[in-house]
């Protein structure tokens, strides 16, 4: 945990260096700027982890559930000779 935090702080310093190097703006190397950069990186990591979990759920709902229902429909239709009553529109 401590090593990850140290790497995030180093990444924050590197990000400040890259912003200064590209000339986009001039950011000083103060403790508050490094802290803000660290907090932004941690926030991005948390948002990424939340979105990945929701993406897995979304893909399950959009891909797996319809495929299972289609398979059920064709197997039921094959076995009984008529489509299920609740699926007719």
PDB file of N, CA and C in Angstrom:
ATOM      1  N   UNK A   1       0.827  -1.190   0.000  1.00  0.00           N
ATOM      2  CA  UNK A   1       0.000   0.000   0.000  1.00  0.00           C
ATOM      3  C   UNK A   1       0.870   1.252   0.000  1.00  0.00           C
ATOM      4  N   UNK A   2       1.911   1.241   0.836  1.00  0.00           N
ATOM      5  CA  UNK A   2       2.804   2.395   0.905  1.00  0.00           C
ATOM      6  C   UNK A   2       3.577   2.558  -0.398  1.00  0.00           C
ATOM      7  N   UNK A   3       3.990   1.438  -0.988  1.00  0.00           N
ATOM      8  CA  UNK A   3       4.723   1.502  -2.252  1.00  0.00           C
ATOM      9  C   UNK A   3       3.835   2.071  -3.364  1.00  0.00           C
ATOM     10  N   UNK A   4       2.567   1.702  -3.379  1.00  0.00           N
ATOM     11  CA  UNK A   4       1.640   2.216  -4.380  1.00  0.00           C
ATOM     12  C   UNK A   4       1.456   3.723  -4.200  1.00  0.00           C
ATOM     13  N   UNK A   5       1.353   4.159  -2.962  1.00  0.00           N
ATOM     14  CA  UNK A   5       1.202   5.588  -2.690  1.00  0.00           C
ATOM     15  C   UNK A   5       2.444   6.359  -3.126  1.00  0.00           C
ATOM     16  N   UNK A   6       3.617   5.806  -2.877  1.00  0.00           N
ATOM     17  CA  UNK A   6       4.867   6.447  -3.314  1.00  0.00           C
ATOM     18  C   UNK A   6       4.908   6.532  -4.844  1.00  0.00           C
ATOM     19  N   UNK A   7       4.497   5.473  -5.517  1.00  0.00           N
ATOM     20  CA  UNK A   7       4.479   5.492  -6.984  1.00  0.00           C
ATOM     21  C   UNK A   7       3.481   6.512  -7.521  1.00  0.00           C
ATOM     22  N   UNK A   8       2.352   6.683  -6.858  1.00  0.00           N
ATOM     23  CA  UNK A   8       1.371   7.679  -7.287  1.00  0.00           C
ATOM     24  C   UNK A   8       1.926   9.085  -7.091  1.00  0.00           C
ATOM     25  N   UNK A   9       2.646   9.331  -5.991  1.00  0.00           N
ATOM     26  CA  UNK A   9       3.262  10.637  -5.763  1.00  0.00           C
ATOM     27  C   UNK A   9       4.322  10.906  -6.829  1.00  0.00           C
ATOM     28  N   UNK A  10       5.122   9.902  -7.158  1.00  0.00           N
ATOM     29  CA  UNK A  10       6.129  10.048  -8.216  1.00  0.00           C
ATOM     30  C   UNK A  10       5.446  10.317  -9.558  1.00  0.00           C
ATOM     31  N   UNK A  11       4.343   9.639  -9.821  1.00  0.00           N
ATOM     32  CA  UNK A  11       3.594   9.876 -11.047  1.00  0.00           C
ATOM     33  C   UNK A  11       3.037  11.295 -11.084  1.00  0.00           C
ATOM     34  N   UNK A  12       2.637  11.813  -9.953  1.00  0.00           N
ATOM     35  CA  UNK A  12       2.155  13.186  -9.877  1.00  0.00           C
ATOM     36  C   UNK A  12       3.267  14.173 -10.209  1.00  0.00           C
ATOM     37  N   UNK A  13       4.457  13.925  -9.703  1.00  0.00           N
ATOM     38  CA  UNK A  13       5.599  14.795 -10.007  1.00  0.00           C
ATOM     39  C   UNK A  13       5.943  14.715 -11.492  1.00  0.00           C
ATOM     40  N   UNK A  14       5.891  13.519 -12.056  1.00  0.00           N
ATOM     41  CA  UNK A  14       6.149  13.349 -13.490  1.00  0.00           C
ATOM     42  C   UNK A  14       5.095  14.076 -14.318  1.00  0.00           C
ATOM     43  N   UNK A  15       3.837  14.030 -13.876  1.00  0.00           N
ATOM     44  CA  UNK A  15       2.775  14.732 -14.590  1.00  0.00           C
ATOM     45  C   UNK A  15       3.009  16.242 -14.558  1.00  0.00           C
ATOM     46  N   UNK A  16       3.444  16.776 -13.423  1.00  0.00           N
ATOM     47  CA  UNK A  16       3.761  18.204 -13.343  1.00  0.00           C
ATOM     48  C   UNK A  16       4.921  18.539 -14.274  1.00  0.00           C
ATOM     49  N   UNK A  17       5.926  17.673 -14.309  1.00  0.00           N
ATOM     50  CA  UNK A  17       7.055  17.888 -15.214  1.00  0.00           C
ATOM     51  C   UNK A  17       6.608  17.899 -16.671  1.00  0.00           C
ATOM     52  N   UNK A  18       5.728  16.959 -17.041  1.00  0.00           N
ATOM     53  CA  UNK A  18       5.271  16.899 -18.432  1.00  0.00           C
ATOM     54  C   UNK A  18       4.444  18.125 -18.808  1.00  0.00           C
ATOM     55  N   UNK A  19       3.628  18.611 -17.882  1.00  0.00           N
ATOM     56  CA  UNK A  19       2.854  19.827 -18.157  1.00  0.00           C
ATOM     57  C   UNK A  19       3.795  21.010 -18.333  1.00  0.00           C
ATOM     58  N   UNK A  20       4.818  21.107 -17.499  1.00  0.00           N
ATOM     59  CA  UNK A  20       5.791  22.192 -17.644  1.00  0.00           C
ATOM     60  C   UNK A  20       6.618  22.036 -18.916  1.00  0.00           C
ATOM     61  N   UNK A  21       6.978  20.814 -19.267  1.00  0.00           N
ATOM     62  CA  UNK A  21       7.821  20.560 -20.443  1.00  0.00           C
ATOM     63  C   UNK A  21       7.090  20.894 -21.740  1.00  0.00           C
ATOM     64  N   UNK A  22       5.806  20.570 -21.811  1.00  0.00           N
ATOM     65  CA  UNK A  22       5.057  20.852 -23.030  1.00  0.00           C
ATOM     66  C   UNK A  22       4.747  22.335 -23.180  1.00  0.00           C
ATOM     67  N   UNK A  23       4.877  23.109 -22.125  1.00  0.00           N
ATOM     68  CA  UNK A  23       4.632  24.533 -22.199  1.00  0.00           C
ATOM     69  C   UNK A  23       3.169  24.902 -22.118  1.00  0.00           C
ATOM     70  N   UNK A  24       2.341  23.955 -21.753  1.00  0.00           N
ATOM     71  CA  UNK A  24       0.907  24.244 -21.636  1.00  0.00           C
ATOM     72  C   UNK A  24       0.659  25.291 -20.563  1.00  0.00           C
ATOM     73  N   UNK A  25       1.276  25.116 -19.435  1.00  0.00           N
ATOM     74  CA  UNK A  25       1.214  26.091 -18.350  1.00  0.00           C
ATOM     75  C   UNK A  25       2.414  25.862 -17.438  1.00  0.00           C
ATOM     76  N   UNK A  26       2.650  26.761 -16.546  1.00  0.00           N
ATOM     77  CA  UNK A  26       3.772  26.642 -15.620  1.00  0.00           C
ATOM     78  C   UNK A  26       3.241  26.317 -14.234  1.00  0.00           C
ATOM     79  N   UNK A  27       3.573  25.134 -13.749  1.00  0.00           N
ATOM     80  CA  UNK A  27       3.139  24.694 -12.428  1.00  0.00           C
ATOM     81  C   UNK A  27       4.385  24.541 -11.560  1.00  0.00           C
ATOM     82  N   UNK A  28       4.353  25.137 -10.389  1.00  0.00           N
ATOM     83  CA  UNK A  28       5.482  25.031  -9.472  1.00  0.00           C
ATOM     84  C   UNK A  28       5.447  23.699  -8.735  1.00  0.00           C
ATOM     85  N   UNK A  29       6.621  23.252  -8.322  1.00  0.00           N
ATOM     86  CA  UNK A  29       6.731  22.012  -7.557  1.00  0.00           C
ATOM     87  C   UNK A  29       6.547  22.310  -6.067  1.00  0.00           C
ATOM     88  N   UNK A  30       5.324  22.554  -5.654  1.00  0.00           N
ATOM     89  CA  UNK A  30       5.034  22.769  -4.238  1.00  0.00           C
ATOM     90  C   UNK A  30       4.333  21.530  -3.699  1.00  0.00           C
ATOM     91  N   UNK A  31       4.321  21.415  -2.378  1.00  0.00           N
ATOM     92  CA  UNK A  31       3.686  20.245  -1.765  1.00  0.00           C
ATOM     93  C   UNK A  31       2.194  20.216  -2.051  1.00  0.00           C
ATOM     94  N   UNK A  32       1.577  21.394  -2.110  1.00  0.00           N
ATOM     95  CA  UNK A  32       0.133  21.423  -2.380  1.00  0.00           C
ATOM     96  C   UNK A  32      -0.173  20.967  -3.804  1.00  0.00           C
ATOM     97  N   UNK A  33       0.658  21.380  -4.777  1.00  0.00           N
ATOM     98  CA  UNK A  33       0.429  20.932  -6.156  1.00  0.00           C
ATOM     99  C   UNK A  33       0.654  19.434  -6.307  1.00  0.00           C
ATOM    100  N   UNK A  34       1.665  18.918  -5.640  1.00  0.00           N
ATOM    101  CA  UNK A  34       1.918  17.474  -5.684  1.00  0.00           C
ATOM    102  C   UNK A  34       0.774  16.722  -5.005  1.00  0.00           C
ATOM    103  N   UNK A  35       0.254  17.272  -3.903  1.00  0.00           N
ATOM    104  CA  UNK A  35      -0.879  16.655  -3.212  1.00  0.00           C
ATOM    105  C   UNK A  35      -2.122  16.669  -4.096  1.00  0.00           C
ATOM    106  N   UNK A  36      -2.394  17.791  -4.750  1.00  0.00           N
ATOM    107  CA  UNK A  36      -3.542  17.857  -5.657  1.00  0.00           C
ATOM    108  C   UNK A  36      -3.407  16.856  -6.796  1.00  0.00           C
ATOM    109  N   UNK A  37      -2.227  16.768  -7.356  1.00  0.00           N
ATOM    110  CA  UNK A  37      -1.998  15.791  -8.431  1.00  0.00           C
ATOM    111  C   UNK A  37      -2.189  14.371  -7.950  1.00  0.00           C
ATOM    112  N   UNK A  38      -1.702  14.081  -6.746  1.00  0.00           N
ATOM    113  CA  UNK A  38      -1.866  12.750  -6.173  1.00  0.00           C
ATOM    114  C   UNK A  38      -3.339  12.426  -5.945  1.00  0.00           C
ATOM    115  N   UNK A  39      -4.081  13.397  -5.408  1.00  0.00           N
ATOM    116  CA  UNK A  39      -5.513  13.171  -5.171  1.00  0.00           C
ATOM    117  C   UNK A  39      -6.277  12.982  -6.479  1.00  0.00           C
ATOM    118  N   UNK A  40      -5.911  13.720  -7.509  1.00  0.00           N
ATOM    119  CA  UNK A  40      -6.570  13.552  -8.808  1.00  0.00           C
ATOM    120  C   UNK A  40      -6.281  12.180  -9.387  1.00  0.00           C
ATOM    121  N   UNK A  41      -5.046  11.710  -9.266  1.00  0.00           N
ATOM    122  CA  UNK A  41      -4.698  10.378  -9.773  1.00  0.00           C
ATOM    123  C   UNK A  41      -5.448   9.298  -9.003  1.00  0.00           C
ATOM    124  N   UNK A  42      -5.538   9.428  -7.677  1.00  0.00           N
ATOM    125  CA  UNK A  42      -6.279   8.447  -6.877  1.00  0.00           C
ATOM    126  C   UNK A  42      -7.759   8.462  -7.250  1.00  0.00           C
ATOM    127  N   UNK A  43      -8.318   9.651  -7.465  1.00  0.00           N
ATOM    128  CA  UNK A  43      -9.714   9.769  -7.887  1.00  0.00           C
ATOM    129  C   UNK A  43      -9.939   9.106  -9.255  1.00  0.00           C
ATOM    130  N   UNK A  44      -8.999   9.286 -10.177  1.00  0.00           N
ATOM    131  CA  UNK A  44      -9.114   8.635 -11.488  1.00  0.00           C
ATOM    132  C   UNK A  44      -9.063   7.111 -11.360  1.00  0.00           C
ATOM    133  N   UNK A  45      -8.229   6.601 -10.474  1.00  0.00           N
ATOM    134  CA  UNK A  45      -8.145   5.159 -10.262  1.00  0.00           C
ATOM    135  C   UNK A  45      -9.461   4.628  -9.706  1.00  0.00           C
ATOM    136  N   UNK A  46     -10.049   5.330  -8.736  1.00  0.00           N
ATOM    137  CA  UNK A  46     -11.315   4.896  -8.143  1.00  0.00           C
ATOM    138  C   UNK A  46     -12.435   4.919  -9.188  1.00  0.00           C
ATOM    139  N   UNK A  47     -12.505   5.983  -9.971  1.00  0.00           N
ATOM    140  CA  UNK A  47     -13.531   6.074 -11.016  1.00  0.00           C
ATOM    141  C   UNK A  47     -13.347   4.965 -12.039  1.00  0.00           C
ATOM    142  N   UNK A  48     -12.100   4.660 -12.400  1.00  0.00           N
ATOM    143  CA  UNK A  48     -11.828   3.582 -13.351  1.00  0.00           C
ATOM    144  C   UNK A  48     -12.315   2.236 -12.814  1.00  0.00           C
ATOM    145  N   UNK A  49     -12.051   1.959 -11.545  1.00  0.00           N
ATOM    146  CA  UNK A  49     -12.477   0.685 -10.968  1.00  0.00           C
ATOM    147  C   UNK A  49     -13.998   0.579 -10.907  1.00  0.00           C
ATOM    148  N   UNK A  50     -14.669   1.680 -10.584  1.00  0.00           N
ATOM    149  CA  UNK A  50     -16.141   1.666 -10.552  1.00  0.00           C
ATOM    150  C   UNK A  50     -16.702   1.444 -11.947  1.00  0.00           C
ATOM    151  N   UNK A  51     -16.161   2.133 -12.945  1.00  0.00           N
ATOM    152  CA  UNK A  51     -16.663   1.998 -14.309  1.00  0.00           C
ATOM    153  C   UNK A  51     -16.419   0.600 -14.871  1.00  0.00           C
ATOM    154  N   UNK A  52     -15.303  -0.010 -14.511  1.00  0.00           N
ATOM    155  CA  UNK A  52     -15.026  -1.373 -14.983  1.00  0.00           C
ATOM    156  C   UNK A  52     -16.050  -2.345 -14.416  1.00  0.00           C
ATOM    157  N   UNK A  53     -16.426  -2.172 -13.162  1.00  0.00           N
ATOM    158  CA  UNK A  53     -17.437  -3.058 -12.565  1.00  0.00           C
ATOM    159  C   UNK A  53     -18.785  -2.874 -13.241  1.00  0.00           C
ATOM    160  N   UNK A  54     -19.181  -1.618 -13.492  1.00  0.00           N
ATOM    161  CA  UNK A  54     -20.452  -1.372 -14.154  1.00  0.00           C
ATOM    162  C   UNK A  54     -20.420  -1.833 -15.601  1.00  0.00           C
ATOM    163  N   UNK A  55     -19.254  -1.751 -16.250  1.00  0.00           N
ATOM    164  CA  UNK A  55     -19.148  -2.220 -17.626  1.00  0.00           C
ATOM    165  C   UNK A  55     -19.340  -3.728 -17.692  1.00  0.00           C
ATOM    166  N   UNK A  56     -18.804  -4.454 -16.733  1.00  0.00           N
ATOM    167  CA  UNK A  56     -19.018  -5.906 -16.698  1.00  0.00           C
ATOM    168  C   UNK A  56     -20.502  -6.228 -16.522  1.00  0.00           C
ATOM    169  N   UNK A  57     -21.167  -5.516 -15.636  1.00  0.00           N
ATOM    170  CA  UNK A  57     -22.594  -5.715 -15.429  1.00  0.00           C
ATOM    171  C   UNK A  57     -23.373  -5.351 -16.680  1.00  0.00           C
ATOM    172  N   UNK A  58     -23.021  -4.239 -17.316  1.00  0.00           N
ATOM    173  CA  UNK A  58     -23.690  -3.801 -18.536  1.00  0.00           C
ATOM    174  C   UNK A  58     -23.518  -4.833 -19.647  1.00  0.00           C
ATOM    175  N   UNK A  59     -22.300  -5.336 -19.828  1.00  0.00           N
ATOM    176  CA  UNK A  59     -22.072  -6.345 -20.866  1.00  0.00           C
ATOM    177  C   UNK A  59     -22.829  -7.627 -20.570  1.00  0.00           C
ATOM    178  N   UNK A  60     -22.936  -8.002 -19.304  1.00  0.00           N
ATOM    179  CA  UNK A  60     -23.707  -9.186 -18.952  1.00  0.00           C
ATOM    180  C   UNK A  60     -25.167  -8.997 -19.313  1.00  0.00           C
ATOM    181  N   UNK A  61     -25.715  -7.814 -18.992  1.00  0.00           N
ATOM    182  CA  UNK A  61     -27.135  -7.555 -19.271  1.00  0.00           C
ATOM    183  C   UNK A  61     -27.388  -7.439 -20.770  1.00  0.00           C
ATOM    184  N   UNK A  62     -26.479  -6.840 -21.509  1.00  0.00           N
ATOM    185  CA  UNK A  62     -26.702  -6.570 -22.928  1.00  0.00           C
ATOM    186  C   UNK A  62     -26.358  -7.776 -23.808  1.00  0.00           C
ATOM    187  N   UNK A  63     -25.407  -8.599 -23.414  1.00  0.00           N
ATOM    188  CA  UNK A  63     -24.969  -9.700 -24.284  1.00  0.00           C
ATOM    189  C   UNK A  63     -25.414 -11.060 -23.763  1.00  0.00           C
ATOM    190  N   UNK A  64     -25.132 -11.380 -22.520  1.00  0.00           N
ATOM    191  CA  UNK A  64     -25.366 -12.732 -22.011  1.00  0.00           C
ATOM    192  C   UNK A  64     -26.850 -13.018 -21.833  1.00  0.00           C
ATOM    193  N   UNK A  65     -27.583 -12.088 -21.235  1.00  0.00           N
ATOM    194  CA  UNK A  65     -29.016 -12.317 -20.995  1.00  0.00           C
ATOM    195  C   UNK A  65     -29.790 -12.467 -22.306  1.00  0.00           C
ATOM    196  N   UNK A  66     -29.609 -11.579 -23.301  1.00  0.00           N
ATOM    197  CA  UNK A  66     -30.330 -11.797 -24.564  1.00  0.00           C
ATOM    198  C   UNK A  66     -29.945 -13.098 -25.263  1.00  0.00           C
ATOM    199  N   UNK A  67     -28.680 -13.472 -25.221  1.00  0.00           N
ATOM    200  CA  UNK A  67     -28.281 -14.741 -25.835  1.00  0.00           C
ATOM    201  C   UNK A  67     -28.943 -15.926 -25.137  1.00  0.00           C
ATOM    202  N   UNK A  68     -29.031 -15.867 -23.817  1.00  0.00           N
ATOM    203  CA  UNK A  68     -29.685 -16.944 -23.077  1.00  0.00           C
ATOM    204  C   UNK A  68     -31.170 -17.011 -23.433  1.00  0.00           C
ATOM    205  N   UNK A  69     -31.813 -15.843 -23.555  1.00  0.00           N
ATOM    206  CA  UNK A  69     -33.232 -15.826 -23.921  1.00  0.00           C
ATOM    207  C   UNK A  69     -33.464 -16.326 -25.343  1.00  0.00           C
ATOM    208  N   UNK A  70     -32.579 -15.977 -26.254  1.00  0.00           N
ATOM    209  CA  UNK A  70     -32.704 -16.467 -27.636  1.00  0.00           C
ATOM    210  C   UNK A  70     -32.526 -17.977 -27.680  1.00  0.00           C
ATOM    211  N   UNK A  71     -31.539 -18.490 -26.949  1.00  0.00           N
ATOM    212  CA  UNK A  71     -31.343 -19.946 -26.897  1.00  0.00           C
ATOM    213  C   UNK A  71     -32.563 -20.633 -26.302  1.00  0.00           C
ATOM    214  N   UNK A  72     -33.112 -20.068 -25.229  1.00  0.00           N
ATOM    215  CA  UNK A  72     -34.320 -20.636 -24.632  1.00  0.00           C
ATOM    216  C   UNK A  72     -35.469 -20.640 -25.635  1.00  0.00           C
ATOM    217  N   UNK A  73     -35.618 -19.549 -26.383  1.00  0.00           N
ATOM    218  CA  UNK A  73     -36.693 -19.430 -27.361  1.00  0.00           C
ATOM    219  C   UNK A  73     -36.583 -20.521 -28.428  1.00  0.00           C
ATOM    220  N   UNK A  74     -35.378 -20.689 -28.985  1.00  0.00           N
ATOM    221  CA  UNK A  74     -35.231 -21.677 -30.052  1.00  0.00           C
ATOM    222  C   UNK A  74     -35.345 -23.109 -29.530  1.00  0.00           C
ATOM    223  N   UNK A  75     -34.826 -23.386 -28.343  1.00  0.00           N
ATOM    224  CA  UNK A  75     -34.944 -24.737 -27.781  1.00  0.00           C
ATOM    225  C   UNK A  75     -36.401 -25.037 -27.449  1.00  0.00           C
ATOM    226  N   UNK A  76     -37.107 -24.100 -26.853  1.00  0.00           N
ATOM    227  CA  UNK A  76     -38.518 -24.288 -26.532  1.00  0.00           C
ATOM    228  C   UNK A  76     -39.343 -24.479 -27.800  1.00  0.00           C
ATOM    229  N   UNK A  77     -39.051 -23.671 -28.824  1.00  0.00           N
ATOM    230  CA  UNK A  77     -39.779 -23.790 -30.091  1.00  0.00           C
ATOM    231  C   UNK A  77     -39.490 -25.139 -30.754  1.00  0.00           C
ATOM    232  N   UNK A  78     -38.250 -25.605 -30.693  1.00  0.00           N
ATOM    233  CA  UNK A  78     -37.885 -26.881 -31.292  1.00  0.00           C
ATOM    234  C   UNK A  78     -38.564 -28.040 -30.573  1.00  0.00           C
ATOM    235  N   UNK A  79     -38.592 -27.996 -29.250  1.00  0.00           N
ATOM    236  CA  UNK A  79     -39.149 -29.098 -28.483  1.00  0.00           C
ATOM    237  C   UNK A  79     -40.675 -29.153 -28.534  1.00  0.00           C
ATOM    238  N   UNK A  80     -41.330 -28.000 -28.494  1.00  0.00           N
ATOM    239  CA  UNK A  80     -42.794 -27.990 -28.446  1.00  0.00           C
ATOM    240  C   UNK A  80     -43.447 -27.747 -29.797  1.00  0.00           C
ATOM    241  N   UNK A  81     -42.721 -27.196 -30.742  1.00  0.00           N
ATOM    242  CA  UNK A  81     -43.288 -26.920 -32.052  1.00  0.00           C
ATOM    243  C   UNK A  81     -43.999 -25.587 -32.127  1.00  0.00           C
ATOM    244  N   UNK A  82     -44.089 -24.855 -31.030  1.00  0.00           N
ATOM    245  CA  UNK A  82     -44.740 -23.532 -31.018  1.00  0.00           C
ATOM    246  C   UNK A  82     -43.909 -22.604 -30.151  1.00  0.00           C
ATOM    247  N   UNK A  83     -43.874 -21.338 -30.508  1.00  0.00           N
ATOM    248  CA  UNK A  83     -43.109 -20.403 -29.679  1.00  0.00           C
ATOM    249  C   UNK A  83     -43.778 -20.184 -28.331  1.00  0.00           C
ATOM    250  N   UNK A  84     -43.033 -19.769 -27.345  1.00  0.00           N
ATOM    251  CA  UNK A  84     -43.623 -19.493 -26.044  1.00  0.00           C
ATOM    252  C   UNK A  84     -44.692 -18.414 -26.128  1.00  0.00           C
ATOM    253  N   UNK A  85     -45.722 -18.529 -25.324  1.00  0.00           N
ATOM    254  CA  UNK A  85     -46.847 -17.600 -25.389  1.00  0.00           C
ATOM    255  C   UNK A  85     -46.480 -16.200 -24.933  1.00  0.00           C
ATOM    256  N   UNK A  86     -45.579 -16.097 -23.969  1.00  0.00           N
ATOM    257  CA  UNK A  86     -45.286 -14.781 -23.414  1.00  0.00           C
ATOM    258  C   UNK A  86     -44.366 -13.949 -24.317  1.00  0.00           C
ATOM    259  N   UNK A  87     -43.826 -14.544 -25.379  1.00  0.00           N
ATOM    260  CA  UNK A  87     -42.888 -13.818 -26.216  1.00  0.00           C
ATOM    261  C   UNK A  87     -43.531 -13.357 -27.525  1.00  0.00           C
ATOM    262  N   UNK A  88     -44.798 -13.567 -27.733  1.00  0.00           N
ATOM    263  CA  UNK A  88     -45.422 -13.106 -28.963  1.00  0.00           C
ATOM    264  C   UNK A  88     -45.832 -11.659 -28.819  1.00  0.00           C
ATOM    265  N   UNK A  89     -45.560 -10.904 -29.850  1.00  0.00           N
ATOM    266  CA  UNK A  89     -45.872  -9.471 -29.825  1.00  0.00           C
ATOM    267  C   UNK A  89     -46.998  -9.175 -30.773  1.00  0.00           C
TER     268      UNK A  89
END
